[in-house]
């Protein structure tokens, strides 16, 4: 982080007051807005909407989880279609298959834009946690997509560990200040956000050549372990976890971890938790999002005056008041 003579308290206050172009990630398989959702969009300018995933199925990279549009698109909101590509899908591609995959992605993206009656699209975003083993094929895919859509800006997600790798061939990056560690690791306190783990990576920002926007977390999840092994994530029903009958709080007062044990078989929404399971609750929210934002000096390169603040995700944001969410922007 850039060294500053501004007192830390004042720096946090300035960060909370300075407004950047804001938006949300929409990560559901159905685009549907209700009256209660609309106040959260009043100060939002962008919607990064997941159109589909590309995953490995039967040894072939195929689209899955394609979005369905059940509501009209708000006129004031700029849509940024996003495709999530798994590492396994990229790893399975050989040199001759990458251009074919790019064509399939391009064709489906254009079709979905038309089916959703989206306004003029200026940008596409590709989300992939690429590694050294998949970098070459992934970067080739990006070049192919840019060739197919030269008039549109191509952005990519940048995870913290990717700040130390080669720079992707894209017009812009979205720095993801969450998802630092593998949630399946039993030793983690909070795999979504850990300030101490973020700090060393953020020192690399000054020399990073790609202009960046910033994605911040306002979501939570519960990680379920059974007999010492990772079982699954509970993503959408964490608010009811604390009130569930049959859970014992194992959290130590001095610990950053929140642990519970199921004393009987439980259902949290559609998720079954067997008796004896251990659950680690990992939470973020507006306070953590503001703290994460304060770690990054938005006035210095590679951030530009038009850098965006985007929250993951829209539905999780509605667990908080509109004023709490707008204060992040």
Protein backbone atom coordinates (compact mmCIF):
# COMPACT_ATOMS: atom_id res chain seq x y z
CA UNK A 1 0.00 0.00 0.00
CA UNK A 2 1.22 3.50 -0.77
CA UNK A 3 2.92 5.20 2.15
CA UNK A 4 0.95 8.21 3.34
CA UNK A 5 1.37 10.92 5.95
CA UNK A 6 -2.39 11.15 6.36
CA UNK A 7 -3.42 9.78 9.78
CA UNK A 8 -5.01 6.35 9.57
CA UNK A 9 -8.34 7.53 11.03
CA UNK A 10 -8.59 10.35 8.47
CA UNK A 11 -7.59 8.01 5.67
CA UNK A 12 -10.46 5.68 6.56
CA UNK A 13 -12.87 8.61 6.70
CA UNK A 14 -11.79 9.85 3.27
CA UNK A 15 -12.08 6.36 1.88
CA UNK A 16 -15.64 6.09 3.15
CA UNK A 17 -16.63 9.47 1.74
CA UNK A 18 -14.99 9.28 -1.67
CA UNK A 19 -17.40 7.75 -4.16
CA UNK A 20 -16.27 5.66 -7.12
CA UNK A 21 -18.40 4.29 -9.94
CA UNK A 22 -20.15 1.39 -8.23
CA UNK A 23 -21.71 -1.89 -9.21
CA UNK A 24 -22.47 -5.47 -8.28
CA UNK A 25 -21.77 -8.98 -9.40
CA UNK A 26 -24.92 -10.96 -10.18
CA UNK A 27 -24.11 -14.64 -9.78
CA UNK A 28 -27.50 -16.36 -10.03
CA UNK A 29 -28.77 -18.46 -12.92
CA UNK A 30 -31.85 -16.23 -13.26
CA UNK A 31 -31.93 -12.47 -13.72
CA UNK A 32 -35.01 -11.45 -11.75
CA UNK A 33 -35.65 -8.16 -10.00
CA UNK A 34 -38.37 -7.46 -7.43
CA UNK A 35 -39.50 -4.17 -5.97
CA UNK A 36 -37.42 -4.71 -2.83
CA UNK A 37 -34.24 -5.02 -4.93
CA UNK A 38 -34.54 -1.68 -6.69
CA UNK A 39 -33.28 0.69 -3.93
CA UNK A 40 -29.91 -1.10 -4.02
CA UNK A 41 -29.54 -0.20 -7.68
CA UNK A 42 -30.19 3.54 -7.34
CA UNK A 43 -26.51 4.41 -6.86
CA UNK A 44 -25.21 1.59 -9.01
CA UNK A 45 -23.97 2.09 -12.55
CA UNK A 46 -22.74 -1.38 -13.48
CA UNK A 47 -23.96 -4.95 -13.29
CA UNK A 48 -21.39 -7.67 -13.86
CA UNK A 49 -23.71 -10.51 -14.73
CA UNK A 50 -22.60 -14.12 -14.93
CA UNK A 51 -23.91 -15.44 -18.23
CA UNK A 52 -22.67 -19.03 -17.92
CA UNK A 53 -19.80 -21.22 -16.75
CA UNK A 54 -17.42 -23.20 -18.89
CA UNK A 55 -16.71 -26.49 -17.12
CA UNK A 56 -15.28 -29.88 -18.01
CA UNK A 57 -18.01 -32.38 -18.80
CA UNK A 58 -17.26 -35.78 -20.28
CA UNK A 59 -13.73 -34.67 -21.07
CA UNK A 60 -14.97 -31.64 -23.02
CA UNK A 61 -15.19 -27.97 -22.06
CA UNK A 62 -18.87 -27.07 -22.23
CA UNK A 63 -21.10 -24.17 -21.17
CA UNK A 64 -23.24 -24.83 -18.11
CA UNK A 65 -25.55 -22.89 -15.79
CA UNK A 66 -26.71 -20.58 -18.57
CA UNK A 67 -28.58 -17.54 -17.31
CA UNK A 68 -32.28 -17.00 -17.84
CA UNK A 69 -33.72 -13.47 -18.05
CA UNK A 70 -37.00 -13.15 -16.15
CA UNK A 71 -37.00 -9.35 -15.69
CA UNK A 72 -36.46 -6.35 -17.91
CA UNK A 73 -33.07 -4.71 -17.75
CA UNK A 74 -32.98 -1.32 -15.91
CA UNK A 75 -32.24 1.43 -18.42
CA UNK A 76 -29.65 3.21 -16.24
CA UNK A 77 -27.57 0.08 -15.61
CA UNK A 78 -24.62 -0.82 -17.85
CA UNK A 79 -24.35 -4.59 -18.28
CA UNK A 80 -20.98 -6.33 -18.27
CA UNK A 81 -21.45 -9.99 -19.26
CA UNK A 82 -19.13 -12.38 -17.39
CA UNK A 83 -18.07 -15.94 -18.21
CA UNK A 84 -16.57 -18.10 -15.48
CA UNK A 85 -14.10 -20.71 -16.78
CA UNK A 86 -12.83 -23.48 -14.54
CA UNK A 87 -9.14 -24.37 -14.47
CA UNK A 88 -10.02 -27.94 -15.41
CA UNK A 89 -11.76 -26.77 -18.58
CA UNK A 90 -8.75 -24.72 -19.68
CA UNK A 91 -6.29 -27.46 -18.75
CA UNK A 92 -8.14 -29.98 -20.92
CA UNK A 93 -7.75 -27.85 -24.08
CA UNK A 94 -5.01 -28.45 -26.64
CA UNK A 95 -3.77 -25.77 -29.02
CA UNK A 96 -6.30 -26.62 -31.73
CA UNK A 97 -9.25 -26.65 -29.32
CA UNK A 98 -8.72 -23.20 -27.83
CA UNK A 99 -9.94 -21.27 -30.93
CA UNK A 100 -12.99 -23.53 -31.12
CA UNK A 101 -13.81 -22.83 -27.46
CA UNK A 102 -13.43 -19.09 -28.09
CA UNK A 103 -15.92 -19.33 -30.97
CA UNK A 104 -18.42 -21.21 -28.78
CA UNK A 105 -18.12 -18.65 -25.99
CA UNK A 106 -18.49 -15.78 -28.43
CA UNK A 107 -21.56 -17.24 -30.11
CA UNK A 108 -23.35 -18.04 -26.85
CA UNK A 109 -22.56 -14.64 -25.34
CA UNK A 110 -24.06 -12.84 -28.36
CA UNK A 111 -27.16 -15.04 -28.28
CA UNK A 112 -27.72 -14.44 -24.56
CA UNK A 113 -27.29 -10.69 -24.96
CA UNK A 114 -30.09 -10.72 -27.51
CA UNK A 115 -32.37 -12.97 -25.46
CA UNK A 116 -32.00 -10.66 -22.45
CA UNK A 117 -32.56 -7.51 -24.53
CA UNK A 118 -29.46 -6.03 -22.94
CA UNK A 119 -28.45 -2.47 -23.80
CA UNK A 120 -25.33 -1.75 -25.80
CA UNK A 121 -22.51 -3.89 -24.42
CA UNK A 122 -19.15 -2.15 -24.11
CA UNK A 123 -17.27 -4.79 -22.14
CA UNK A 124 -16.98 -8.53 -21.62
CA UNK A 125 -15.27 -10.06 -18.61
CA UNK A 126 -13.63 -13.47 -18.27
CA UNK A 127 -13.22 -14.96 -14.80
CA UNK A 128 -10.65 -17.74 -14.42
CA UNK A 129 -8.24 -18.71 -11.66
CA UNK A 130 -5.47 -19.50 -14.10
CA UNK A 131 -2.13 -20.93 -13.01
CA UNK A 132 1.32 -21.38 -14.55
CA UNK A 133 0.12 -24.66 -16.08
CA UNK A 134 -2.91 -23.10 -17.78
CA UNK A 135 -1.57 -19.61 -18.47
CA UNK A 136 -0.55 -20.18 -22.10
CA UNK A 137 -3.88 -21.68 -23.17
CA UNK A 138 -5.88 -19.16 -21.19
CA UNK A 139 -4.01 -16.20 -22.66
CA UNK A 140 -4.50 -17.63 -26.16
CA UNK A 141 -8.22 -17.86 -25.45
CA UNK A 142 -8.29 -14.20 -24.41
CA UNK A 143 -6.52 -13.16 -27.61
CA UNK A 144 -9.01 -15.15 -29.68
CA UNK A 145 -11.97 -13.52 -27.92
CA UNK A 146 -10.49 -10.06 -28.47
CA UNK A 147 -10.04 -10.89 -32.15
CA UNK A 148 -13.71 -11.88 -32.38
CA UNK A 149 -14.90 -8.75 -30.53
CA UNK A 150 -12.28 -6.04 -31.21
CA UNK A 151 -14.71 -3.18 -30.58
CA UNK A 152 -15.44 -4.24 -27.00
CA UNK A 153 -13.27 -3.90 -23.97
CA UNK A 154 -12.08 -7.23 -22.60
CA UNK A 155 -11.51 -7.37 -18.86
CA UNK A 156 -10.34 -10.25 -16.68
CA UNK A 157 -10.45 -11.02 -12.98
CA UNK A 158 -7.13 -10.81 -11.15
CA UNK A 159 -6.70 -12.77 -7.93
CA UNK A 160 -4.02 -11.60 -5.52
CA UNK A 161 -1.62 -14.44 -6.28
CA UNK A 162 -1.87 -13.58 -10.00
CA UNK A 163 -0.27 -10.18 -9.38
CA UNK A 164 3.03 -12.11 -9.34
CA UNK A 165 2.45 -13.87 -12.67
CA UNK A 166 2.44 -12.76 -16.30
CA UNK A 167 0.02 -10.00 -17.19
CA UNK A 168 -2.98 -11.27 -19.18
CA UNK A 169 -3.65 -9.85 -22.67
CA UNK A 170 -6.68 -7.80 -21.67
CA UNK A 171 -7.75 -4.17 -21.64
CA UNK A 172 -8.44 -4.03 -17.93
CA UNK A 173 -8.39 -6.13 -14.78
CA UNK A 174 -10.72 -6.63 -11.82
CA UNK A 175 -8.69 -7.12 -8.64
CA UNK A 176 -10.56 -9.53 -6.38
CA UNK A 177 -9.97 -8.72 -2.72
CA UNK A 178 -11.48 -11.97 -1.49
CA UNK A 179 -11.11 -15.71 -1.83
CA UNK A 180 -7.52 -15.75 -0.58
CA UNK A 181 -7.36 -19.36 0.53
CA UNK A 182 -8.99 -22.72 -0.11
CA UNK A 183 -12.07 -22.97 2.15
CA UNK A 184 -11.60 -26.76 2.31
CA UNK A 185 -8.47 -26.18 4.41
CA UNK A 186 -9.46 -26.96 8.00
CA UNK A 187 -6.74 -24.67 9.37
CA UNK A 188 -8.11 -21.45 7.88
CA UNK A 189 -9.81 -18.84 10.06
CA UNK A 190 -11.50 -17.00 7.19
CA UNK A 191 -10.71 -18.03 3.62
CA UNK A 192 -12.76 -15.15 2.18
CA UNK A 193 -10.74 -12.24 3.56
CA UNK A 194 -7.58 -12.03 5.63
CA UNK A 195 -5.92 -8.62 5.87
CA UNK A 196 -2.51 -10.00 6.84
CA UNK A 197 -2.43 -12.30 3.82
CA UNK A 198 -3.52 -9.50 1.49
CA UNK A 199 -0.87 -6.96 2.48
CA UNK A 200 2.21 -8.61 0.86
CA UNK A 201 0.43 -8.99 -2.47
CA UNK A 202 -0.83 -5.40 -2.49
CA UNK A 203 2.74 -4.12 -2.46
CA UNK A 204 2.97 -5.29 -6.06
CA UNK A 205 0.22 -2.95 -7.23
CA UNK A 206 2.45 0.04 -7.93
CA UNK A 207 4.34 -1.82 -10.63
CA UNK A 208 1.40 -3.72 -12.10
CA UNK A 209 0.92 -2.51 -15.69
CA UNK A 210 -2.78 -3.29 -16.17
CA UNK A 211 -5.39 -0.73 -15.12
CA UNK A 212 -7.52 -2.24 -12.37
CA UNK A 213 -10.98 -2.02 -10.91
CA UNK A 214 -11.71 -3.39 -7.44
CA UNK A 215 -14.06 -6.19 -6.35
CA UNK A 216 -14.94 -6.32 -2.64
CA UNK A 217 -16.76 -9.00 -0.60
CA UNK A 218 -20.08 -8.59 1.18
CA UNK A 219 -20.94 -12.30 1.20
CA UNK A 220 -20.62 -15.05 3.78
CA UNK A 221 -20.62 -18.82 3.77
CA UNK A 222 -20.40 -21.75 6.13
CA UNK A 223 -17.83 -24.49 5.55
CA UNK A 224 -18.93 -27.94 6.69
CA UNK A 225 -16.41 -30.61 7.76
CA UNK A 226 -17.29 -34.15 8.73
CA UNK A 227 -14.88 -36.60 10.36
CA UNK A 228 -12.01 -34.23 9.57
CA UNK A 229 -12.79 -33.88 5.86
CA UNK A 230 -14.35 -31.06 3.87
CA UNK A 231 -17.98 -31.85 3.00
CA UNK A 232 -19.56 -28.80 1.34
CA UNK A 233 -20.25 -25.05 1.47
CA UNK A 234 -23.49 -23.47 2.65
CA UNK A 235 -23.76 -20.29 0.60
CA UNK A 236 -27.21 -18.73 0.93
CA UNK A 237 -28.53 -19.61 4.39
CA UNK A 238 -25.82 -18.55 6.81
CA UNK A 239 -28.11 -16.05 8.55
CA UNK A 240 -30.26 -18.90 9.87
CA UNK A 241 -27.25 -20.92 11.03
CA UNK A 242 -26.84 -19.14 14.36
CA UNK A 243 -30.51 -19.67 15.23
CA UNK A 244 -30.52 -23.37 14.31
CA UNK A 245 -31.52 -25.72 17.12
CA UNK A 246 -28.93 -28.40 17.78
CA UNK A 247 -25.72 -26.42 17.24
CA UNK A 248 -23.05 -25.93 19.89
CA UNK A 249 -20.83 -22.85 19.63
CA UNK A 250 -17.18 -23.96 19.78
CA UNK A 251 -15.65 -20.51 19.16
CA UNK A 252 -12.97 -19.37 21.57
CA UNK A 253 -13.28 -15.71 22.71
CA UNK A 254 -9.75 -14.89 21.51
CA UNK A 255 -10.06 -16.61 18.15
CA UNK A 256 -10.96 -15.07 14.78
CA UNK A 257 -12.59 -18.36 13.80
CA UNK A 258 -16.29 -19.09 14.35
CA UNK A 259 -16.88 -22.81 14.83
CA UNK A 260 -20.01 -24.81 15.57
CA UNK A 261 -20.76 -28.51 16.05
CA UNK A 262 -23.98 -30.20 14.98
CA UNK A 263 -25.36 -32.26 17.86
CA UNK A 264 -27.99 -33.87 15.61
CA UNK A 265 -28.84 -34.13 11.93
CA UNK A 266 -29.81 -30.66 10.69
CA UNK A 267 -31.20 -28.99 7.60
CA UNK A 268 -30.11 -25.42 6.85
CA UNK A 269 -32.31 -24.59 3.89
CA UNK A 270 -31.61 -27.30 1.31
CA UNK A 271 -28.30 -28.25 2.94
CA UNK A 272 -28.10 -31.31 5.19
CA UNK A 273 -25.61 -31.31 8.06
CA UNK A 274 -24.99 -34.67 9.74
CA UNK A 275 -24.67 -35.05 13.51
CA UNK A 276 -21.06 -34.58 14.57
CA UNK A 277 -20.20 -32.24 11.70
CA UNK A 278 -18.10 -29.14 12.42
CA UNK A 279 -19.04 -25.87 10.74
CA UNK A 280 -16.79 -22.87 10.25
CA UNK A 281 -18.77 -19.67 9.66
CA UNK A 282 -16.92 -17.17 7.48
CA UNK A 283 -18.47 -13.71 7.29
CA UNK A 284 -17.77 -10.46 5.51
CA UNK A 285 -19.97 -7.40 5.07
CA UNK A 286 -19.79 -3.61 4.69
CA UNK A 287 -17.25 -3.11 7.49
CA UNK A 288 -14.81 -5.63 6.02
CA UNK A 289 -15.43 -4.31 2.50
CA UNK A 290 -14.56 -0.78 3.65
CA UNK A 291 -11.46 -2.08 5.42
CA UNK A 292 -10.39 -3.96 2.30
CA UNK A 293 -10.94 -0.84 0.23
CA UNK A 294 -8.77 1.19 2.62
CA UNK A 295 -5.87 -1.19 1.98
CA UNK A 296 -5.73 -0.02 -1.61
CA UNK A 297 -4.82 3.54 -2.51
CA UNK A 298 -7.27 4.22 -5.33
CA UNK A 299 -5.62 7.50 -6.28
CA UNK A 300 -2.35 5.86 -7.35
CA UNK A 301 -1.47 3.69 -10.37
CA UNK A 302 -2.66 1.24 -11.55
CA UNK A 303 -6.01 2.65 -10.45
CA UNK A 304 -7.50 5.33 -12.67
CA UNK A 305 -9.97 8.12 -11.95
CA UNK A 306 -12.72 5.96 -13.44
CA UNK A 307 -11.83 2.83 -11.46
CA UNK A 308 -14.93 0.96 -10.33
CA UNK A 309 -15.87 -0.53 -6.99
CA UNK A 310 -17.88 -3.73 -7.52
CA UNK A 311 -19.42 -5.77 -4.72
CA UNK A 312 -19.76 -9.55 -4.69
CA UNK A 313 -22.58 -10.08 -4.76
CA UNK A 314 -25.91 -8.31 -5.28
CA UNK A 315 -28.09 -10.74 -3.34
CA UNK A 316 -25.71 -10.84 -0.35
CA UNK A 317 -25.63 -7.04 -0.26
CA UNK A 318 -29.33 -7.03 0.56
CA UNK A 319 -28.60 -8.53 3.97
CA UNK A 320 -27.55 -4.97 4.88
CA UNK A 321 -29.20 -1.57 4.64
CA UNK A 322 -28.97 0.51 1.48
CA UNK A 323 -27.02 3.21 3.36
CA UNK A 324 -24.46 0.68 4.61
CA UNK A 325 -23.88 -0.60 1.08
CA UNK A 326 -23.75 2.84 -0.55
CA UNK A 327 -21.13 3.92 2.00
CA UNK A 328 -18.73 1.39 0.48
CA UNK A 329 -18.80 3.14 -2.90
